[in-house]
């Protein structure tokens, strides 16, 4: 009788014990991993986007729409590609003539304060503001489901994407993304090096 009672108590206690996690652990181990960061799970919202290697360690894509993130990435990549070229061109000696006397001897690092003083950056601010307005309108169209792809302004004067298959178009988009990502890192590096060395290009 005592044995039966003990078994009954054991059975009752087992009802409150945590369920076996064997199947859950197996599922967790089988979960898809990020290609870029194989020790982290794959961010599901990246799926289907050109250039996806599962790199989103802060999980921005979990709470920010992917079209917004892709638009921002493409825009900043394009800006940095132009910025790197312009920054290095000035320090390599390239100038647009006739050059105002006030700009003589300026480097890319010292130009900022001089251009603020003479009002040139104010004009640039107005033009960039106009570009931001146009970009915001285009982004709103994308976010409202118009079918516009992030970063697409219909600007392809050379015809890189004309009469190309979807695979070829995606290959060109991937090239732009990779070069834009590299340019974002490169511009940060070149500005840092230029300030540290205070020298002309190549800042050594």
N, C-alpha and C. Protein backbone atom coordinates (compact mmCIF):
# COMPACT_ATOMS: atom_id res chain seq x y z
N UNK A 1 0.83 -1.19 0.00
CA UNK A 1 0.00 0.00 0.00
C UNK A 1 0.88 1.26 0.00
N UNK A 2 1.93 1.20 0.88
CA UNK A 2 2.84 2.35 0.93
C UNK A 2 3.51 2.58 -0.41
N UNK A 3 3.83 1.46 -1.08
CA UNK A 3 4.48 1.58 -2.40
C UNK A 3 3.56 2.26 -3.39
N UNK A 4 2.29 1.88 -3.39
CA UNK A 4 1.30 2.48 -4.30
C UNK A 4 1.15 3.96 -4.02
N UNK A 5 1.13 4.31 -2.71
CA UNK A 5 0.99 5.72 -2.35
C UNK A 5 2.19 6.52 -2.81
N UNK A 6 3.39 5.94 -2.65
CA UNK A 6 4.61 6.64 -3.07
C UNK A 6 4.63 6.87 -4.57
N UNK A 7 4.21 5.85 -5.33
CA UNK A 7 4.16 5.98 -6.78
C UNK A 7 3.15 7.04 -7.21
N UNK A 8 2.05 7.10 -6.47
CA UNK A 8 1.02 8.09 -6.79
C UNK A 8 1.57 9.50 -6.58
N UNK A 9 2.28 9.71 -5.46
CA UNK A 9 2.88 11.02 -5.19
C UNK A 9 3.92 11.38 -6.25
N UNK A 10 4.70 10.39 -6.66
CA UNK A 10 5.73 10.62 -7.68
C UNK A 10 5.10 11.04 -9.00
N UNK A 11 4.00 10.38 -9.35
CA UNK A 11 3.29 10.71 -10.59
C UNK A 11 2.73 12.12 -10.53
N UNK A 12 2.21 12.50 -9.33
CA UNK A 12 1.64 13.84 -9.18
C UNK A 12 2.73 14.90 -9.30
N UNK A 13 3.88 14.62 -8.68
CA UNK A 13 4.98 15.57 -8.72
C UNK A 13 5.51 15.76 -10.13
N UNK A 14 5.51 14.68 -10.90
CA UNK A 14 6.04 14.77 -12.27
C UNK A 14 5.20 15.68 -13.15
N UNK A 15 3.96 15.90 -12.76
CA UNK A 15 3.09 16.78 -13.55
C UNK A 15 3.59 18.22 -13.49
N UNK A 16 4.31 18.57 -12.41
CA UNK A 16 4.80 19.94 -12.26
C UNK A 16 6.24 20.10 -12.73
N UNK A 17 6.85 19.01 -13.15
CA UNK A 17 8.23 19.07 -13.64
C UNK A 17 8.24 19.66 -15.04
N UNK A 18 9.30 20.38 -15.41
CA UNK A 18 9.36 20.95 -16.76
C UNK A 18 9.34 19.88 -17.82
N UNK A 19 8.64 20.18 -18.92
CA UNK A 19 8.54 19.21 -20.01
C UNK A 19 9.89 19.01 -20.64
N UNK A 20 10.10 17.91 -21.28
CA UNK A 20 11.37 17.59 -21.92
C UNK A 20 11.67 18.61 -23.01
N UNK A 21 12.88 19.11 -23.05
CA UNK A 21 13.28 20.12 -24.05
C UNK A 21 14.04 19.49 -25.21
N UNK A 22 13.99 18.18 -25.29
CA UNK A 22 14.74 17.50 -26.34
C UNK A 22 14.34 17.94 -27.72
N UNK A 23 13.03 17.96 -28.00
CA UNK A 23 12.57 18.33 -29.33
C UNK A 23 12.83 19.80 -29.60
N UNK A 24 12.67 20.65 -28.53
CA UNK A 24 12.92 22.08 -28.70
C UNK A 24 14.38 22.34 -29.01
N UNK A 25 15.27 21.65 -28.32
CA UNK A 25 16.70 21.82 -28.57
C UNK A 25 17.07 21.39 -29.98
N UNK A 26 16.45 20.30 -30.42
CA UNK A 26 16.73 19.83 -31.77
C UNK A 26 16.27 20.84 -32.80
N UNK A 27 15.08 21.45 -32.53
CA UNK A 27 14.56 22.47 -33.44
C UNK A 27 15.48 23.67 -33.47
N UNK A 28 15.97 24.09 -32.27
CA UNK A 28 16.85 25.25 -32.17
C UNK A 28 18.14 25.01 -32.94
N UNK A 29 18.70 23.81 -32.80
CA UNK A 29 19.94 23.50 -33.50
C UNK A 29 19.74 23.45 -35.00
N UNK A 30 18.52 23.06 -35.39
CA UNK A 30 18.25 22.95 -36.82
C UNK A 30 17.85 24.28 -37.44
N UNK A 31 17.65 25.34 -36.61
CA UNK A 31 17.24 26.64 -37.12
C UNK A 31 18.31 27.19 -38.06
N UNK A 32 17.86 27.92 -39.09
CA UNK A 32 18.79 28.45 -40.08
C UNK A 32 19.71 29.48 -39.45
N UNK A 33 20.99 29.42 -39.77
CA UNK A 33 21.97 30.34 -39.24
C UNK A 33 22.35 31.40 -40.28
N UNK A 34 22.81 32.54 -39.79
CA UNK A 34 23.29 33.60 -40.67
C UNK A 34 24.55 33.15 -41.40
N UNK A 35 24.65 33.46 -42.68
CA UNK A 35 25.85 33.13 -43.45
C UNK A 35 27.03 33.97 -42.99
N UNK A 36 26.79 35.27 -42.77
CA UNK A 36 27.87 36.17 -42.37
C UNK A 36 28.28 35.95 -40.93
N UNK A 37 27.32 35.63 -40.07
CA UNK A 37 27.58 35.43 -38.64
C UNK A 37 26.98 34.09 -38.22
N UNK A 38 27.66 32.99 -38.52
CA UNK A 38 27.08 31.66 -38.31
C UNK A 38 26.77 31.30 -36.87
N UNK A 39 27.19 32.12 -35.92
CA UNK A 39 26.86 31.87 -34.52
C UNK A 39 25.55 32.56 -34.12
N UNK A 40 24.92 33.27 -35.09
CA UNK A 40 23.65 33.94 -34.83
C UNK A 40 22.57 33.37 -35.75
N UNK A 41 21.30 33.41 -35.31
CA UNK A 41 20.22 32.95 -36.19
C UNK A 41 20.04 33.88 -37.38
N UNK A 42 19.51 33.33 -38.45
CA UNK A 42 19.29 34.09 -39.68
C UNK A 42 18.12 35.07 -39.50
N UNK A 43 18.31 36.37 -39.82
CA UNK A 43 17.21 37.34 -39.73
C UNK A 43 16.21 37.12 -40.88
N UNK A 44 15.05 36.61 -40.55
CA UNK A 44 14.09 36.18 -41.57
C UNK A 44 13.66 37.30 -42.52
N UNK A 45 13.62 38.54 -42.04
CA UNK A 45 13.11 39.63 -42.87
C UNK A 45 14.06 40.04 -43.99
N UNK A 46 15.29 39.51 -43.97
CA UNK A 46 16.23 39.82 -45.04
C UNK A 46 15.99 38.97 -46.29
N UNK A 47 15.25 37.91 -46.13
CA UNK A 47 15.07 36.95 -47.21
C UNK A 47 14.47 37.60 -48.45
N UNK A 48 15.09 37.31 -49.59
CA UNK A 48 14.57 37.81 -50.86
C UNK A 48 15.20 39.10 -51.33
N UNK A 49 16.02 39.73 -50.50
CA UNK A 49 16.66 40.99 -50.89
C UNK A 49 18.05 40.74 -51.47
N UNK A 50 18.37 41.47 -52.54
CA UNK A 50 19.68 41.33 -53.17
C UNK A 50 20.77 41.68 -52.17
N UNK A 51 21.83 40.89 -52.15
CA UNK A 51 22.95 41.15 -51.26
C UNK A 51 22.79 40.59 -49.87
N UNK A 52 21.76 39.78 -49.66
CA UNK A 52 21.50 39.22 -48.33
C UNK A 52 22.50 38.12 -47.99
N UNK A 53 23.25 38.35 -46.90
CA UNK A 53 24.13 37.31 -46.36
C UNK A 53 23.80 37.08 -44.88
N UNK A 54 22.61 37.53 -44.49
CA UNK A 54 22.19 37.32 -43.10
C UNK A 54 22.88 38.22 -42.11
N UNK A 55 23.39 39.37 -42.56
CA UNK A 55 24.12 40.26 -41.64
C UNK A 55 23.17 41.32 -41.08
N UNK A 56 22.72 41.11 -39.88
CA UNK A 56 21.89 42.07 -39.16
C UNK A 56 22.03 41.77 -37.67
N UNK A 57 23.24 41.95 -37.12
CA UNK A 57 23.49 41.53 -35.73
C UNK A 57 22.64 42.26 -34.70
N UNK A 58 22.21 43.50 -35.01
CA UNK A 58 21.37 44.25 -34.07
C UNK A 58 19.88 44.06 -34.34
N UNK A 59 19.56 43.24 -35.34
CA UNK A 59 18.18 42.87 -35.66
C UNK A 59 17.31 44.10 -35.97
N UNK A 60 17.88 45.06 -36.69
CA UNK A 60 17.10 46.22 -37.11
C UNK A 60 15.89 45.80 -37.94
N UNK A 61 16.08 44.75 -38.75
CA UNK A 61 15.01 44.32 -39.65
C UNK A 61 13.81 43.74 -38.91
N UNK A 62 13.95 43.50 -37.60
CA UNK A 62 12.82 42.99 -36.82
C UNK A 62 11.80 44.07 -36.50
N UNK A 63 12.26 45.34 -36.47
CA UNK A 63 11.32 46.40 -36.08
C UNK A 63 11.31 47.61 -37.02
N UNK A 64 12.14 47.57 -38.06
CA UNK A 64 12.13 48.63 -39.08
C UNK A 64 11.85 47.97 -40.43
N UNK A 65 10.92 48.53 -41.23
CA UNK A 65 10.61 47.91 -42.53
C UNK A 65 11.85 47.76 -43.41
N UNK A 66 11.99 46.61 -44.04
CA UNK A 66 13.17 46.32 -44.83
C UNK A 66 13.32 47.27 -46.02
N UNK A 67 12.21 47.68 -46.64
CA UNK A 67 12.31 48.61 -47.76
C UNK A 67 12.93 49.94 -47.32
N UNK A 68 12.60 50.37 -46.11
CA UNK A 68 13.19 51.60 -45.57
C UNK A 68 14.69 51.41 -45.34
N UNK A 69 15.07 50.27 -44.77
CA UNK A 69 16.48 50.00 -44.51
C UNK A 69 17.28 49.89 -45.81
N UNK A 70 16.71 49.24 -46.81
CA UNK A 70 17.41 49.10 -48.08
C UNK A 70 17.55 50.44 -48.78
N UNK A 71 16.53 51.27 -48.73
CA UNK A 71 16.60 52.62 -49.32
C UNK A 71 17.73 53.41 -48.66
N UNK A 72 17.81 53.32 -47.33
CA UNK A 72 18.84 54.05 -46.60
C UNK A 72 20.24 53.54 -46.95
N UNK A 73 20.37 52.21 -47.06
CA UNK A 73 21.67 51.63 -47.39
C UNK A 73 22.13 52.06 -48.77
N UNK A 74 21.24 52.00 -49.73
CA UNK A 74 21.60 52.38 -51.10
C UNK A 74 21.96 53.86 -51.17
N UNK A 75 21.16 54.71 -50.50
CA UNK A 75 21.41 56.15 -50.54
C UNK A 75 22.76 56.49 -49.92
N UNK A 76 23.03 55.94 -48.75
CA UNK A 76 24.30 56.25 -48.08
C UNK A 76 25.49 55.67 -48.85
N UNK A 77 25.30 54.52 -49.47
CA UNK A 77 26.36 53.96 -50.30
C UNK A 77 26.68 54.85 -51.48
N UNK A 78 25.65 55.35 -52.15
CA UNK A 78 25.86 56.23 -53.30
C UNK A 78 26.53 57.52 -52.88
N UNK A 79 26.08 58.10 -51.77
CA UNK A 79 26.69 59.34 -51.28
C UNK A 79 28.16 59.12 -50.98
N UNK A 80 28.49 58.02 -50.33
CA UNK A 80 29.88 57.78 -49.94
C UNK A 80 30.77 57.47 -51.13
N UNK A 81 30.22 56.85 -52.17
CA UNK A 81 31.03 56.63 -53.37
C UNK A 81 31.44 57.97 -53.99
N UNK A 82 30.49 58.90 -54.05
CA UNK A 82 30.80 60.23 -54.58
C UNK A 82 31.69 61.02 -53.62
N UNK A 83 31.41 60.88 -52.31
CA UNK A 83 32.17 61.63 -51.30
C UNK A 83 33.64 61.21 -51.28
N UNK A 84 33.89 59.90 -51.36
CA UNK A 84 35.28 59.44 -51.36
C UNK A 84 36.03 60.00 -52.57
N UNK A 85 35.39 59.92 -53.73
CA UNK A 85 36.03 60.41 -54.95
C UNK A 85 36.30 61.90 -54.87
N UNK A 86 35.31 62.67 -54.42
CA UNK A 86 35.49 64.11 -54.32
C UNK A 86 36.53 64.51 -53.29
N UNK A 87 36.51 63.85 -52.15
CA UNK A 87 37.46 64.15 -51.07
C UNK A 87 38.90 63.93 -51.54
N UNK A 88 39.12 62.77 -52.15
CA UNK A 88 40.48 62.43 -52.60
C UNK A 88 40.91 63.27 -53.80
N UNK A 89 39.94 63.62 -54.66
CA UNK A 89 40.29 64.41 -55.85
C UNK A 89 40.82 65.78 -55.45
N UNK A 90 40.19 66.40 -54.45
CA UNK A 90 40.65 67.71 -54.00
C UNK A 90 42.07 67.63 -53.45
N UNK A 91 42.31 66.62 -52.61
CA UNK A 91 43.64 66.50 -52.00
C UNK A 91 44.69 65.97 -52.97
N UNK A 92 44.25 65.48 -54.12
CA UNK A 92 45.19 65.06 -55.16
C UNK A 92 45.52 66.22 -56.10
N UNK A 93 44.89 67.39 -55.86
CA UNK A 93 45.21 68.59 -56.63
C UNK A 93 44.20 68.98 -57.69
N UNK A 94 43.10 68.22 -57.82
CA UNK A 94 42.10 68.55 -58.84
C UNK A 94 41.30 69.77 -58.40
N UNK A 95 41.14 70.72 -59.30
CA UNK A 95 40.38 71.93 -59.01
C UNK A 95 39.49 72.28 -60.20
N UNK A 96 38.41 73.00 -59.89
CA UNK A 96 37.54 73.53 -60.95
C UNK A 96 37.91 75.00 -61.12
N UNK A 97 38.28 75.39 -62.33
CA UNK A 97 38.74 76.76 -62.58
C UNK A 97 37.66 77.53 -63.34
N UNK A 98 37.57 78.85 -63.12
CA UNK A 98 38.43 79.67 -62.25
C UNK A 98 38.12 79.43 -60.77
N UNK A 99 39.15 79.29 -59.97
CA UNK A 99 39.01 79.03 -58.55
C UNK A 99 39.02 80.35 -57.77
N UNK A 100 37.99 80.59 -56.95
CA UNK A 100 38.00 81.82 -56.14
C UNK A 100 39.26 81.93 -55.31
N UNK A 101 39.77 83.14 -55.17
CA UNK A 101 41.02 83.36 -54.45
C UNK A 101 40.94 82.87 -53.01
N UNK A 102 39.75 82.96 -52.42
CA UNK A 102 39.57 82.56 -51.02
C UNK A 102 39.76 81.06 -50.83
N UNK A 103 39.63 80.30 -51.92
CA UNK A 103 39.74 78.84 -51.81
C UNK A 103 41.15 78.32 -52.09
N UNK A 104 42.06 79.22 -52.39
CA UNK A 104 43.43 78.79 -52.69
C UNK A 104 44.07 78.14 -51.46
N UNK A 105 44.72 77.01 -51.69
CA UNK A 105 45.44 76.35 -50.62
C UNK A 105 44.60 75.51 -49.68
N UNK A 106 43.30 75.41 -49.94
CA UNK A 106 42.44 74.62 -49.05
C UNK A 106 42.61 73.13 -49.33
N UNK A 107 42.47 72.34 -48.29
CA UNK A 107 42.42 70.89 -48.43
C UNK A 107 40.99 70.44 -48.15
N UNK A 108 40.73 69.17 -48.32
CA UNK A 108 39.40 68.67 -48.04
C UNK A 108 39.02 68.84 -46.57
N UNK A 109 40.03 68.78 -45.70
CA UNK A 109 39.77 68.93 -44.26
C UNK A 109 39.53 70.39 -43.89
N UNK A 110 40.32 71.29 -44.44
CA UNK A 110 40.20 72.71 -44.07
C UNK A 110 39.12 73.44 -44.86
N UNK A 111 38.60 72.82 -45.90
CA UNK A 111 37.62 73.50 -46.76
C UNK A 111 36.32 73.80 -46.03
N UNK A 112 35.92 72.94 -45.10
CA UNK A 112 34.61 73.08 -44.46
C UNK A 112 34.42 74.48 -43.85
N UNK A 113 35.33 74.88 -42.97
CA UNK A 113 35.17 76.16 -42.28
C UNK A 113 35.20 77.33 -43.26
N UNK A 114 36.06 77.23 -44.26
CA UNK A 114 36.16 78.31 -45.25
C UNK A 114 34.86 78.42 -46.07
N UNK A 115 34.30 77.29 -46.46
CA UNK A 115 33.08 77.32 -47.26
C UNK A 115 31.88 77.77 -46.44
N UNK A 116 31.88 77.49 -45.14
CA UNK A 116 30.83 78.02 -44.27
C UNK A 116 30.94 79.54 -44.20
N UNK A 117 32.16 80.03 -44.04
CA UNK A 117 32.39 81.47 -43.91
C UNK A 117 31.95 82.23 -45.16
N UNK A 118 32.21 81.66 -46.34
CA UNK A 118 31.89 82.36 -47.58
C UNK A 118 30.51 82.00 -48.14
N UNK A 119 29.75 81.17 -47.43
CA UNK A 119 28.37 80.90 -47.82
C UNK A 119 28.15 79.78 -48.81
N UNK A 120 29.22 79.13 -49.24
CA UNK A 120 29.06 78.06 -50.24
C UNK A 120 28.29 76.87 -49.69
N UNK A 121 28.52 76.53 -48.42
CA UNK A 121 27.84 75.38 -47.84
C UNK A 121 26.36 75.65 -47.63
N UNK A 122 25.98 76.91 -47.49
CA UNK A 122 24.56 77.24 -47.37
C UNK A 122 23.83 76.88 -48.65
N UNK A 123 24.46 77.21 -49.78
CA UNK A 123 23.87 76.86 -51.07
C UNK A 123 23.78 75.35 -51.24
N UNK A 124 24.84 74.65 -50.83
CA UNK A 124 24.83 73.19 -50.92
C UNK A 124 23.73 72.60 -50.02
N UNK A 125 23.54 73.19 -48.85
CA UNK A 125 22.50 72.73 -47.94
C UNK A 125 21.12 72.83 -48.58
N UNK A 126 20.87 73.90 -49.31
CA UNK A 126 19.58 74.07 -49.97
C UNK A 126 19.37 73.02 -51.06
N UNK A 127 20.41 72.74 -51.85
CA UNK A 127 20.29 71.74 -52.91
C UNK A 127 20.12 70.34 -52.33
N UNK A 128 20.87 70.05 -51.27
CA UNK A 128 20.74 68.73 -50.64
C UNK A 128 19.37 68.59 -49.98
N UNK A 129 18.84 69.70 -49.44
CA UNK A 129 17.51 69.67 -48.86
C UNK A 129 16.46 69.33 -49.91
N UNK A 130 16.61 69.91 -51.11
CA UNK A 130 15.69 69.60 -52.20
C UNK A 130 15.78 68.12 -52.58
N UNK A 131 17.01 67.60 -52.63
CA UNK A 131 17.19 66.18 -52.95
C UNK A 131 16.54 65.29 -51.90
N UNK A 132 16.61 65.69 -50.63
CA UNK A 132 15.99 64.91 -49.55
C UNK A 132 14.47 64.91 -49.68
N UNK A 133 13.90 66.04 -50.08
CA UNK A 133 12.44 66.11 -50.28
C UNK A 133 12.02 65.14 -51.37
N UNK A 134 12.73 65.15 -52.49
CA UNK A 134 12.42 64.24 -53.59
C UNK A 134 12.58 62.79 -53.13
N UNK A 135 13.66 62.52 -52.39
CA UNK A 135 13.89 61.17 -51.89
C UNK A 135 12.82 60.71 -50.92
N UNK A 136 12.33 61.63 -50.09
CA UNK A 136 11.28 61.28 -49.12
C UNK A 136 9.98 60.94 -49.83
N UNK A 137 9.65 61.71 -50.85
CA UNK A 137 8.44 61.41 -51.63
C UNK A 137 8.54 60.03 -52.27
N UNK A 138 9.71 59.73 -52.85
CA UNK A 138 9.91 58.42 -53.48
C UNK A 138 9.82 57.30 -52.45
N UNK A 139 10.39 57.52 -51.27
CA UNK A 139 10.35 56.51 -50.21
C UNK A 139 8.92 56.27 -49.74
N UNK A 140 8.15 57.33 -49.64
CA UNK A 140 6.75 57.19 -49.22
C UNK A 140 5.97 56.35 -50.24
N UNK A 141 6.30 56.51 -51.51
CA UNK A 141 5.66 55.70 -52.55
C UNK A 141 6.00 54.22 -52.36
N UNK A 142 7.27 53.95 -52.07
CA UNK A 142 7.70 52.57 -51.84
C UNK A 142 6.98 51.98 -50.63
N UNK A 143 6.93 52.74 -49.54
CA UNK A 143 6.34 52.24 -48.31
C UNK A 143 4.83 52.06 -48.41
N UNK A 144 4.20 52.76 -49.35
CA UNK A 144 2.75 52.65 -49.53
C UNK A 144 2.37 51.52 -50.48
N UNK A 145 3.38 50.78 -50.98
CA UNK A 145 3.10 49.62 -51.83
C UNK A 145 2.92 49.95 -53.29
N UNK A 146 3.59 51.00 -53.77
CA UNK A 146 3.44 51.40 -55.17
C UNK A 146 4.14 50.44 -56.13
N UNK A 147 5.04 49.61 -55.59
CA UNK A 147 5.81 48.71 -56.45
C UNK A 147 7.17 49.26 -56.81
N UNK A 148 7.45 50.50 -56.39
CA UNK A 148 8.78 51.08 -56.64
C UNK A 148 9.81 50.36 -55.78
N UNK A 149 10.90 49.92 -56.40
CA UNK A 149 11.96 49.24 -55.66
C UNK A 149 12.79 50.27 -54.91
N UNK A 150 13.27 49.94 -53.71
CA UNK A 150 14.10 50.89 -52.96
C UNK A 150 15.30 51.36 -53.78
N UNK A 151 15.51 52.67 -53.79
CA UNK A 151 16.65 53.24 -54.51
C UNK A 151 16.44 53.45 -55.99
N UNK A 152 15.27 53.08 -56.51
CA UNK A 152 15.02 53.17 -57.96
C UNK A 152 14.41 54.52 -58.31
N UNK A 153 15.18 55.35 -59.02
CA UNK A 153 14.69 56.65 -59.48
C UNK A 153 14.53 56.67 -61.00
N UNK A 154 14.60 55.49 -61.60
CA UNK A 154 14.45 55.42 -63.05
C UNK A 154 15.61 56.08 -63.79
N UNK A 155 16.75 56.20 -63.13
CA UNK A 155 17.90 56.89 -63.72
C UNK A 155 18.92 55.85 -64.19
N UNK A 156 18.95 55.64 -65.49
CA UNK A 156 19.89 54.68 -66.08
C UNK A 156 20.27 55.18 -67.46
N UNK A 157 20.95 56.35 -67.51
CA UNK A 157 21.24 56.97 -68.81
C UNK A 157 22.14 56.14 -69.71
N UNK A 158 22.99 55.32 -69.10
CA UNK A 158 23.92 54.52 -69.91
C UNK A 158 23.27 53.21 -70.35
N UNK A 159 22.17 52.83 -69.74
CA UNK A 159 21.45 51.62 -70.13
C UNK A 159 22.01 50.34 -69.56
N UNK A 160 22.57 50.40 -68.35
CA UNK A 160 23.13 49.20 -67.73
C UNK A 160 22.07 48.11 -67.53
N UNK A 161 20.82 48.53 -67.29
CA UNK A 161 19.78 47.56 -66.98
C UNK A 161 18.81 47.34 -68.15
N UNK A 162 19.06 48.01 -69.25
CA UNK A 162 18.16 47.91 -70.40
C UNK A 162 18.23 46.51 -71.03
N UNK A 163 17.06 45.93 -71.25
CA UNK A 163 16.93 44.61 -71.90
C UNK A 163 17.76 43.53 -71.20
N UNK A 164 17.86 43.61 -69.90
CA UNK A 164 18.60 42.61 -69.13
C UNK A 164 17.62 41.67 -68.42
N UNK A 165 18.05 40.44 -68.22
CA UNK A 165 17.23 39.48 -67.48
C UNK A 165 17.22 39.85 -66.00
N UNK A 166 16.30 39.25 -65.26
CA UNK A 166 16.22 39.53 -63.83
C UNK A 166 17.52 39.17 -63.12
N UNK A 167 18.13 38.08 -63.55
CA UNK A 167 19.39 37.65 -62.95
C UNK A 167 20.49 38.68 -63.19
N UNK A 168 20.55 39.21 -64.42
CA UNK A 168 21.56 40.21 -64.75
C UNK A 168 21.33 41.52 -64.01
N UNK A 169 20.06 41.89 -63.88
CA UNK A 169 19.71 43.12 -63.14
C UNK A 169 20.13 42.97 -61.68
N UNK A 170 19.84 41.83 -61.09
CA UNK A 170 20.20 41.59 -59.69
C UNK A 170 21.71 41.58 -59.50
N UNK A 171 22.44 41.09 -60.52
CA UNK A 171 23.90 41.09 -60.44
C UNK A 171 24.44 42.53 -60.41
N UNK A 172 23.85 43.41 -61.23
CA UNK A 172 24.26 44.81 -61.23
C UNK A 172 23.90 45.49 -59.92
N UNK A 173 22.73 45.17 -59.38
CA UNK A 173 22.32 45.75 -58.10
C UNK A 173 23.26 45.31 -56.98
N UNK A 174 23.70 44.05 -57.04
CA UNK A 174 24.62 43.54 -56.03
C UNK A 174 25.97 44.26 -56.12
N UNK A 175 26.42 44.53 -57.33
CA UNK A 175 27.68 45.26 -57.49
C UNK A 175 27.58 46.65 -56.87
N UNK A 176 26.45 47.32 -57.11
CA UNK A 176 26.27 48.65 -56.53
C UNK A 176 26.26 48.57 -55.00
N UNK A 177 25.57 47.59 -54.46
CA UNK A 177 25.51 47.43 -53.01
C UNK A 177 26.89 47.19 -52.41
N UNK A 178 27.65 46.29 -53.02
CA UNK A 178 28.98 45.98 -52.49
C UNK A 178 29.91 47.18 -52.56
N UNK A 179 29.86 47.89 -53.69
CA UNK A 179 30.70 49.08 -53.81
C UNK A 179 30.26 50.17 -52.85
N UNK A 180 28.95 50.28 -52.62
CA UNK A 180 28.44 51.26 -51.67
C UNK A 180 28.85 50.93 -50.25
N UNK A 181 28.77 49.66 -49.88
CA UNK A 181 29.20 49.24 -48.54
C UNK A 181 30.69 49.50 -48.33
N UNK A 182 31.47 49.18 -49.35
CA UNK A 182 32.91 49.44 -49.27
C UNK A 182 33.18 50.93 -49.15
N UNK A 183 32.43 51.74 -49.91
CA UNK A 183 32.64 53.20 -49.90
C UNK A 183 32.31 53.80 -48.54
N UNK A 184 31.30 53.27 -47.87
CA UNK A 184 30.96 53.79 -46.54
C UNK A 184 32.12 53.59 -45.57
N UNK A 185 32.74 52.42 -45.64
CA UNK A 185 33.91 52.16 -44.80
C UNK A 185 35.11 52.99 -45.26
N UNK A 186 35.29 53.08 -46.58
CA UNK A 186 36.44 53.79 -47.13
C UNK A 186 36.39 55.27 -46.81
N UNK A 187 35.21 55.87 -46.90
CA UNK A 187 35.11 57.31 -46.62
C UNK A 187 35.41 57.60 -45.16
N UNK A 188 34.89 56.75 -44.27
CA UNK A 188 35.20 56.93 -42.85
C UNK A 188 36.70 56.84 -42.62
N UNK A 189 37.33 55.88 -43.29
CA UNK A 189 38.77 55.70 -43.13
C UNK A 189 39.58 56.85 -43.69
N UNK A 190 39.19 57.34 -44.87
CA UNK A 190 39.99 58.37 -45.53
C UNK A 190 39.88 59.70 -44.78
N UNK A 191 38.72 60.00 -44.22
CA UNK A 191 38.59 61.23 -43.44
C UNK A 191 39.44 61.15 -42.18
N UNK A 192 39.40 60.01 -41.51
CA UNK A 192 40.21 59.82 -40.31
C UNK A 192 41.69 59.96 -40.61
N UNK A 193 42.14 59.32 -41.68
CA UNK A 193 43.55 59.36 -42.05
C UNK A 193 43.98 60.77 -42.46
N UNK A 194 43.08 61.48 -43.17
CA UNK A 194 43.41 62.85 -43.60
C UNK A 194 43.57 63.78 -42.41
N UNK A 195 42.72 63.62 -41.41
CA UNK A 195 42.81 64.47 -40.22
C UNK A 195 44.07 64.13 -39.42
N UNK A 196 44.38 62.86 -39.31
CA UNK A 196 45.54 62.45 -38.51
C UNK A 196 46.85 62.88 -39.15
N UNK A 197 46.95 62.74 -40.46
CA UNK A 197 48.22 63.05 -41.13
C UNK A 197 48.33 64.50 -41.58
N UNK A 198 47.18 65.16 -41.82
CA UNK A 198 47.15 66.53 -42.33
C UNK A 198 47.96 66.66 -43.62
N UNK A 199 48.04 65.54 -44.35
CA UNK A 199 48.84 65.55 -45.57
C UNK A 199 47.98 65.40 -46.80
N UNK A 200 48.59 65.53 -47.97
CA UNK A 200 47.86 65.33 -49.21
C UNK A 200 47.60 63.86 -49.47
N UNK A 201 46.77 63.60 -50.43
CA UNK A 201 46.50 62.22 -50.86
C UNK A 201 47.82 61.57 -51.26
N UNK A 202 48.14 60.36 -50.84
CA UNK A 202 47.31 59.34 -50.19
C UNK A 202 47.40 59.29 -48.67
N UNK A 203 47.70 60.43 -48.02
CA UNK A 203 47.61 60.53 -46.56
C UNK A 203 48.54 59.54 -45.82
N UNK A 204 49.78 59.48 -46.22
CA UNK A 204 50.73 58.60 -45.52
C UNK A 204 51.86 59.43 -44.90
